[in-house]
């Protein structure tokens, strides 16, 4: 009865926030010593079987949905790709749970788009347009310099001359979690059109993350193209040195920067990520994003949301708060993860030889490095990056 009422209320939502009467967003951060920085509580992850659909023994609210949604930034022209993605997510996971979808666009979705998407899922789907103040040129850069940067970089790397791609990266880095349709969510699962999900997922990853104090979940970890992030670590070092009070006592920053203060360019491929949104809403993350926005690298270079999210997570979280969803087989053009453990692979349809995670540099580094203290992190920030 309560869940039916929940959906009836959400049906009224179009461009407006999910009603606050459904509950305020709960913070997973504690405040220590009067400072608004992250003080995580760490538990060992429980067995995913605890979170199987229909399991009524794990938690008192095991049959209710968390305040979570599956979210995509998508254009009208990507209708076929997003329909295919949603159909896969439904078949692999969501038909057993019924989490809502939130689709966002910088333009108004057409009726054909809305009707065609709703035809492939029984879950609720909400369509939203981006606030104009969130989608556009940063106030900290000039149009003249941006045009010059696009011209200079157009042949240097993929999307080197694309203005819209930079708008997307900036939006995903600093604004998607501020959209009114996400206002009352605690978690989001980011999806994109044209990706592939290879494995059945019989448990609720949102509940798994909540119950184990996991903040960031990923599936693939490539390295970023060096030319796109030439000054990103330098900008990060400056923020760390200017804001030591926002740094946690221990963090996993060694994953993105080595002992010589060299940026590894390892990142979580954020076209798939499941995130506790209180992280992106935290004072530390917002301060870091604003610092990067003022530096201009989203436009003058091609800073992507993946390296930005990844540096922030590594700098502000402990390793135990970051989870590899190894059992989620996934493909985005360029890279594939296919689980090779027998108990996982039997739930998947993919070629284990196509996987990049078990032998990739960043996946191996994730397994082999550990948290370090704030003092050591600040020492790394003082060292120049030996490019």
Protein backbone atom coordinates (compact mmCIF):
# COMPACT_ATOMS: atom_id res chain seq x y z
CA UNK A 1 0.00 0.00 0.00
CA UNK A 2 2.80 2.44 0.95
CA UNK A 3 4.72 1.63 -2.23
CA UNK A 4 1.61 2.17 -4.38
CA UNK A 5 1.14 5.57 -2.76
CA UNK A 6 4.80 6.36 -3.41
CA UNK A 7 4.31 5.79 -7.14
CA UNK A 8 1.03 7.73 -7.25
CA UNK A 9 2.81 10.74 -5.79
CA UNK A 10 5.78 10.39 -8.13
CA UNK A 11 3.41 10.24 -11.11
CA UNK A 12 2.67 13.91 -10.47
CA UNK A 13 6.32 14.82 -10.96
CA UNK A 14 7.40 16.19 -14.29
CA UNK A 15 9.93 18.97 -14.21
CA UNK A 16 9.62 19.51 -10.43
CA UNK A 17 11.50 17.92 -7.52
CA UNK A 18 10.42 14.61 -6.12
CA UNK A 19 8.15 15.69 -3.23
CA UNK A 20 9.93 16.27 0.05
CA UNK A 21 7.09 14.49 1.83
CA UNK A 22 8.70 11.23 0.74
CA UNK A 23 11.53 11.95 3.14
CA UNK A 24 14.64 14.04 3.33
CA UNK A 25 17.87 12.84 1.83
CA UNK A 26 19.80 11.08 4.59
CA UNK A 27 23.45 11.91 5.01
CA UNK A 28 25.96 9.12 5.39
CA UNK A 29 28.66 11.44 6.68
CA UNK A 30 29.38 12.28 10.27
CA UNK A 31 30.77 15.61 11.40
CA UNK A 32 33.98 15.46 13.38
CA UNK A 33 35.55 18.28 15.34
CA UNK A 34 33.05 20.74 13.94
CA UNK A 35 34.39 20.29 10.41
CA UNK A 36 32.17 19.41 7.45
CA UNK A 37 34.48 16.80 6.02
CA UNK A 38 34.07 13.09 5.49
CA UNK A 39 34.44 10.69 8.40
CA UNK A 40 33.44 7.28 7.03
CA UNK A 41 32.30 4.27 9.02
CA UNK A 42 33.74 1.11 7.54
CA UNK A 43 32.24 -2.37 7.50
CA UNK A 44 33.27 -5.41 5.50
CA UNK A 45 30.88 -5.90 2.57
CA UNK A 46 28.27 -8.57 3.24
CA UNK A 47 27.45 -11.36 0.81
CA UNK A 48 25.30 -10.04 -2.05
CA UNK A 49 22.89 -12.99 -1.55
CA UNK A 50 21.57 -11.07 1.46
CA UNK A 51 20.01 -8.60 -0.97
CA UNK A 52 18.26 -11.00 -3.34
CA UNK A 53 14.88 -9.91 -4.65
CA UNK A 54 12.15 -11.17 -2.35
CA UNK A 55 14.50 -11.98 0.53
CA UNK A 56 12.49 -11.01 3.62
CA UNK A 57 15.11 -11.95 6.20
CA UNK A 58 17.93 -9.50 5.51
CA UNK A 59 16.52 -6.18 6.74
CA UNK A 60 13.22 -4.93 8.03
CA UNK A 61 12.60 -2.95 4.83
CA UNK A 62 13.91 -5.56 2.39
CA UNK A 63 10.80 -5.38 0.20
CA UNK A 64 10.74 -1.58 -0.15
CA UNK A 65 12.66 0.48 -2.66
CA UNK A 66 15.37 2.80 -1.43
CA UNK A 67 15.38 6.43 -2.55
CA UNK A 68 17.30 5.56 -5.69
CA UNK A 69 16.91 5.77 -9.46
CA UNK A 70 18.61 4.82 -12.69
CA UNK A 71 19.63 8.05 -14.40
CA UNK A 72 20.78 9.00 -17.90
CA UNK A 73 21.67 12.18 -19.74
CA UNK A 74 20.35 11.50 -23.24
CA UNK A 75 19.23 13.29 -26.40
CA UNK A 76 16.15 12.71 -28.53
CA UNK A 77 18.41 11.37 -31.30
CA UNK A 78 19.61 8.57 -28.98
CA UNK A 79 16.20 6.94 -28.64
CA UNK A 80 17.19 3.54 -30.03
CA UNK A 81 20.31 3.38 -27.88
CA UNK A 82 18.56 4.27 -24.61
CA UNK A 83 15.68 1.88 -25.31
CA UNK A 84 18.19 -0.92 -25.81
CA UNK A 85 19.99 -0.02 -22.59
CA UNK A 86 16.79 0.13 -20.55
CA UNK A 87 15.62 -3.19 -21.96
CA UNK A 88 18.90 -4.79 -20.86
CA UNK A 89 18.74 -3.22 -17.40
CA UNK A 90 15.18 -4.51 -17.07
CA UNK A 91 16.08 -8.02 -18.19
CA UNK A 92 19.21 -8.24 -16.07
CA UNK A 93 18.01 -6.51 -12.92
CA UNK A 94 15.17 -4.05 -12.68
CA UNK A 95 12.14 -6.14 -13.61
CA UNK A 96 12.55 -7.78 -10.19
CA UNK A 97 12.83 -4.46 -8.35
CA UNK A 98 11.10 -1.69 -10.26
CA UNK A 99 13.40 1.25 -9.55
CA UNK A 100 12.37 4.38 -11.49
CA UNK A 101 14.27 5.83 -14.42
CA UNK A 102 15.12 9.51 -14.73
CA UNK A 103 16.08 10.73 -18.20
CA UNK A 104 17.52 14.22 -18.61
CA UNK A 105 18.04 16.32 -21.72
CA UNK A 106 19.18 19.85 -22.46
CA UNK A 107 16.16 20.06 -24.80
CA UNK A 108 12.52 19.05 -24.38
CA UNK A 109 11.92 15.34 -24.94
CA UNK A 110 9.58 14.63 -27.84
CA UNK A 111 6.34 12.74 -27.33
CA UNK A 112 7.67 9.96 -29.55
CA UNK A 113 10.73 9.65 -27.31
CA UNK A 114 8.70 9.55 -24.11
CA UNK A 115 6.16 7.05 -25.44
CA UNK A 116 8.81 4.80 -26.95
CA UNK A 117 10.83 4.66 -23.73
CA UNK A 118 7.80 3.91 -21.58
CA UNK A 119 6.94 1.03 -23.92
CA UNK A 120 10.03 -0.99 -22.90
CA UNK A 121 9.60 -0.90 -19.11
CA UNK A 122 6.87 -1.19 -16.50
CA UNK A 123 8.91 0.96 -14.11
CA UNK A 124 8.13 4.64 -13.69
CA UNK A 125 10.01 6.95 -16.05
CA UNK A 126 10.51 10.67 -15.40
CA UNK A 127 11.69 13.11 -18.05
CA UNK A 128 13.45 16.33 -17.15
CA UNK A 129 15.08 19.25 -18.89
CA UNK A 130 18.37 20.65 -17.63
CA UNK A 131 18.22 24.05 -15.92
CA UNK A 132 19.83 26.56 -18.26
CA UNK A 133 22.11 27.80 -15.47
CA UNK A 134 23.65 24.31 -15.28
CA UNK A 135 24.24 23.78 -19.00
CA UNK A 136 26.47 26.27 -20.69
CA UNK A 137 29.80 28.02 -20.68
CA UNK A 138 31.47 28.34 -17.31
CA UNK A 139 31.54 31.94 -16.04
CA UNK A 140 35.25 31.48 -15.35
CA UNK A 141 36.32 31.06 -19.00
CA UNK A 142 36.05 33.29 -22.06
CA UNK A 143 34.37 32.35 -25.31
CA UNK A 144 37.37 33.55 -27.29
CA UNK A 145 39.82 31.32 -25.40
CA UNK A 146 37.46 28.35 -25.57
CA UNK A 147 37.16 28.67 -29.35
CA UNK A 148 40.95 28.81 -29.59
CA UNK A 149 41.28 25.71 -27.39
CA UNK A 150 38.77 23.77 -29.49
CA UNK A 151 40.64 24.65 -32.64
CA UNK A 152 44.00 23.76 -31.08
CA UNK A 153 42.82 20.40 -29.77
CA UNK A 154 40.45 19.24 -32.49
CA UNK A 155 42.98 16.82 -34.00
CA UNK A 156 44.85 15.95 -30.81
CA UNK A 157 42.32 13.54 -29.28
CA UNK A 158 38.74 12.29 -29.43
CA UNK A 159 36.21 15.13 -29.01
CA UNK A 160 39.12 17.55 -29.00
CA UNK A 161 37.08 20.10 -30.94
CA UNK A 162 33.68 19.35 -29.43
CA UNK A 163 32.02 22.08 -27.39
CA UNK A 164 28.97 19.96 -26.52
CA UNK A 165 31.16 17.18 -25.13
CA UNK A 166 32.75 19.66 -22.75
CA UNK A 167 29.35 20.90 -21.65
CA UNK A 168 28.41 17.31 -20.87
CA UNK A 169 31.60 16.65 -18.86
CA UNK A 170 31.14 19.80 -16.81
CA UNK A 171 27.47 19.01 -16.19
CA UNK A 172 28.16 15.42 -15.13
CA UNK A 173 30.97 16.62 -12.87
CA UNK A 174 29.17 19.36 -11.00
CA UNK A 175 25.46 19.56 -11.68
CA UNK A 176 23.64 16.30 -12.39
CA UNK A 177 23.17 15.61 -8.68
CA UNK A 178 21.58 19.06 -8.33
CA UNK A 179 18.78 18.42 -10.81
CA UNK A 180 15.35 18.79 -9.14
CA UNK A 181 14.33 15.25 -10.12
CA UNK A 182 17.26 13.89 -8.09
CA UNK A 183 16.65 16.15 -5.10
CA UNK A 184 15.19 13.46 -2.87
CA UNK A 185 17.35 10.56 -4.00
CA UNK A 186 20.01 8.97 -1.82
CA UNK A 187 21.60 6.93 -4.65
CA UNK A 188 21.80 6.96 -8.40
CA UNK A 189 22.88 4.41 -10.99
CA UNK A 190 24.19 6.13 -14.08
CA UNK A 191 23.49 4.54 -17.43
CA UNK A 192 24.09 5.56 -21.03
CA UNK A 193 22.57 4.73 -24.40
CA UNK A 194 24.20 1.97 -26.42
CA UNK A 195 25.99 0.14 -23.61
CA UNK A 196 25.67 -3.57 -22.83
CA UNK A 197 24.96 -5.37 -19.56
CA UNK A 198 26.05 -8.99 -19.77
CA UNK A 199 25.12 -10.48 -16.39
CA UNK A 200 22.01 -11.16 -14.34
CA UNK A 201 22.06 -9.14 -11.14
CA UNK A 202 19.67 -10.83 -8.69
CA UNK A 203 20.35 -8.51 -5.73
CA UNK A 204 19.79 -4.84 -4.98
CA UNK A 205 23.11 -2.94 -5.37
CA UNK A 206 21.69 0.19 -3.74
CA UNK A 207 20.80 -1.71 -0.57
CA UNK A 208 24.14 -3.53 -0.68
CA UNK A 209 25.97 -0.20 -0.75
CA UNK A 210 23.83 1.35 1.98
CA UNK A 211 24.21 -1.53 4.41
CA UNK A 212 27.98 -1.69 3.93
CA UNK A 213 28.76 2.05 3.94
CA UNK A 214 29.93 1.93 0.35
CA UNK A 215 29.88 5.30 -1.35
CA UNK A 216 31.13 4.70 -4.89
CA UNK A 217 30.64 1.66 -7.12
CA UNK A 218 32.30 1.04 -10.48
CA UNK A 219 32.96 -1.72 -12.99
CA UNK A 220 35.80 -0.60 -15.36
CA UNK A 221 39.01 1.36 -14.64
CA UNK A 222 40.94 2.56 -17.72
CA UNK A 223 43.60 5.27 -17.93
CA UNK A 224 42.73 8.73 -19.18
CA UNK A 225 44.29 10.19 -22.35
CA UNK A 226 47.20 12.26 -21.08
CA UNK A 227 46.64 15.20 -23.44
CA UNK A 228 43.12 15.75 -22.10
CA UNK A 229 44.17 16.26 -18.47
CA UNK A 230 47.55 17.98 -18.71
CA UNK A 231 46.96 20.28 -15.73
CA UNK A 232 44.26 18.40 -13.77
CA UNK A 233 46.58 17.04 -11.09
CA UNK A 234 48.28 20.42 -10.67
CA UNK A 235 44.87 22.00 -10.08
CA UNK A 236 44.03 19.22 -7.62
CA UNK A 237 47.28 19.71 -5.70
CA UNK A 238 46.50 23.40 -5.29
CA UNK A 239 43.02 22.62 -3.94
CA UNK A 240 44.43 20.12 -1.43
CA UNK A 241 47.01 22.59 -0.13
CA UNK A 242 44.40 25.36 0.14
CA UNK A 243 41.79 23.17 1.85
CA UNK A 244 43.52 20.68 4.17
CA UNK A 245 40.60 20.90 6.61
CA UNK A 246 38.35 19.26 3.98
CA UNK A 247 40.60 16.23 3.60
CA UNK A 248 39.83 13.05 5.59
CA UNK A 249 42.35 11.60 8.02
CA UNK A 250 42.98 8.70 5.63
CA UNK A 251 42.20 8.31 1.93
CA UNK A 252 42.82 6.14 -1.12
CA UNK A 253 44.60 8.89 -3.03
CA UNK A 254 47.55 6.62 -3.84
CA UNK A 255 45.42 5.04 -6.54
CA UNK A 256 45.49 8.22 -8.64
CA UNK A 257 48.94 9.53 -7.73
CA UNK A 258 52.08 7.52 -7.01
CA UNK A 259 54.81 8.05 -4.44
CA UNK A 260 56.61 10.46 -6.81
CA UNK A 261 53.47 12.60 -7.10
CA UNK A 262 52.95 11.42 -10.67
CA UNK A 263 49.32 11.34 -11.76
CA UNK A 264 48.53 7.76 -12.78
CA UNK A 265 45.51 8.82 -14.86
CA UNK A 266 43.62 5.84 -13.46
CA UNK A 267 39.92 6.50 -13.27
CA UNK A 268 36.58 4.83 -12.74
CA UNK A 269 34.77 4.86 -16.06
CA UNK A 270 31.83 6.90 -14.93
CA UNK A 271 29.48 5.98 -17.77
CA UNK A 272 28.65 3.30 -15.23
CA UNK A 273 28.68 4.32 -11.60
CA UNK A 274 26.45 3.75 -8.59
CA UNK A 275 26.91 6.53 -6.07
CA UNK A 276 25.74 7.63 -2.66
CA UNK A 277 24.70 11.12 -3.68
CA UNK A 278 25.58 12.62 -0.31
CA UNK A 279 29.16 12.36 -1.55
CA UNK A 280 28.57 14.68 -4.51
CA UNK A 281 26.53 16.95 -2.24
CA UNK A 282 29.26 17.19 0.39
CA UNK A 283 31.07 20.45 1.11
CA UNK A 284 34.39 18.89 0.15
CA UNK A 285 33.25 17.70 -3.28
CA UNK A 286 31.46 20.96 -4.07
CA UNK A 287 34.54 22.96 -3.10
CA UNK A 288 36.73 20.76 -5.28
CA UNK A 289 34.40 21.08 -8.28
CA UNK A 290 34.20 24.87 -7.94
CA UNK A 291 37.99 25.04 -7.80
CA UNK A 292 38.27 23.00 -11.01
CA UNK A 293 35.60 25.07 -12.72
CA UNK A 294 37.52 28.25 -11.92
CA UNK A 295 40.69 26.67 -13.35
CA UNK A 296 39.01 26.36 -16.76
CA UNK A 297 40.18 22.87 -17.67
CA UNK A 298 36.75 21.57 -18.60
CA UNK A 299 36.93 23.84 -21.65
CA UNK A 300 40.57 24.76 -22.24
CA UNK A 301 41.59 21.10 -22.01
CA UNK A 302 39.03 18.26 -21.93
CA UNK A 303 38.69 17.33 -18.30
CA UNK A 304 36.15 14.52 -18.17
CA UNK A 305 33.73 13.72 -15.39
CA UNK A 306 35.39 10.29 -15.04
CA UNK A 307 38.81 11.57 -13.90
CA UNK A 308 37.16 14.30 -11.81
CA UNK A 309 34.89 11.83 -10.01
CA UNK A 310 37.76 9.39 -9.61
CA UNK A 311 40.24 11.86 -8.14
CA UNK A 312 37.58 13.15 -5.78
CA UNK A 313 36.60 9.64 -4.65
CA UNK A 314 40.22 8.60 -4.13
CA UNK A 315 41.12 11.84 -2.35
CA UNK A 316 38.06 11.98 -0.08
CA UNK A 317 37.19 8.32 0.56
CA UNK A 318 38.83 5.25 1.98
CA UNK A 319 39.38 2.17 -0.14
CA UNK A 320 36.70 0.28 1.78
CA UNK A 321 34.12 2.82 0.65
CA UNK A 322 34.80 2.12 -3.02
CA UNK A 323 33.42 -1.11 -4.48
CA UNK A 324 34.20 -2.98 -7.69
CA UNK A 325 30.99 -4.55 -8.96
CA UNK A 326 32.95 -7.41 -10.42
CA UNK A 327 29.76 -9.40 -11.04
CA UNK A 328 28.29 -6.73 -13.36
CA UNK A 329 29.55 -7.58 -16.83
CA UNK A 330 29.54 -4.38 -18.86
CA UNK A 331 30.55 -2.95 -22.22
CA UNK A 332 30.85 0.63 -23.33
CA UNK A 333 32.42 1.19 -26.76
CA UNK A 334 36.14 0.94 -26.07
CA UNK A 335 36.27 -1.39 -23.06
CA UNK A 336 34.58 -4.52 -21.74
CA UNK A 337 34.41 -6.16 -18.35
CA UNK A 338 33.44 -9.84 -18.35
CA UNK A 339 33.64 -11.65 -14.98
CA UNK A 340 35.92 -14.68 -15.11
CA UNK A 341 35.11 -16.28 -11.78
CA UNK A 342 32.95 -19.37 -12.44
CA UNK A 343 30.29 -18.42 -9.87
CA UNK A 344 29.92 -15.04 -11.57
CA UNK A 345 30.42 -15.97 -15.21
CA UNK A 346 27.63 -18.53 -15.17
CA UNK A 347 25.23 -15.59 -14.81
CA UNK A 348 26.71 -13.81 -17.82
CA UNK A 349 26.78 -13.98 -21.60
CA UNK A 350 30.15 -12.55 -22.59
CA UNK A 351 33.60 -13.59 -23.78
CA UNK A 352 36.03 -13.72 -20.86
CA UNK A 353 38.89 -13.01 -23.27
CA UNK A 354 37.41 -9.57 -24.00
CA UNK A 355 37.87 -8.40 -20.40
CA UNK A 356 40.23 -5.50 -19.59
CA UNK A 357 39.98 -5.50 -15.81
CA UNK A 358 41.95 -8.53 -14.66
CA UNK A 359 45.15 -7.53 -16.45
CA UNK A 360 44.73 -3.76 -16.77
CA UNK A 361 47.15 -1.42 -15.02
CA UNK A 362 44.53 0.46 -13.03
CA UNK A 363 42.63 -2.62 -11.90
CA UNK A 364 45.84 -4.16 -10.61
CA UNK A 365 46.86 -0.90 -8.93
CA UNK A 366 43.51 -0.74 -7.17
CA UNK A 367 44.14 -4.18 -5.69
CA UNK A 368 47.70 -3.42 -4.62
CA UNK A 369 47.68 0.05 -3.03
CA UNK A 370 46.23 1.06 0.31
CA UNK A 371 44.98 4.12 2.17
CA UNK A 372 47.44 6.72 3.42
CA UNK A 373 47.15 9.42 6.08
CA UNK A 374 46.35 13.07 5.49
CA UNK A 375 49.92 14.20 6.21
CA UNK A 376 51.30 11.84 3.59
CA UNK A 377 48.65 12.95 1.09
CA UNK A 378 49.61 16.58 1.66
CA UNK A 379 53.27 15.69 1.16
CA UNK A 380 52.36 14.30 -2.26
CA UNK A 381 50.48 17.51 -3.01
CA UNK A 382 53.62 19.55 -2.22
CA UNK A 383 55.70 17.59 -4.73
CA UNK A 384 55.67 18.74 -8.36
CA UNK A 385 54.33 16.24 -10.89
CA UNK A 386 57.34 14.89 -12.80
CA UNK A 387 55.58 14.64 -16.17
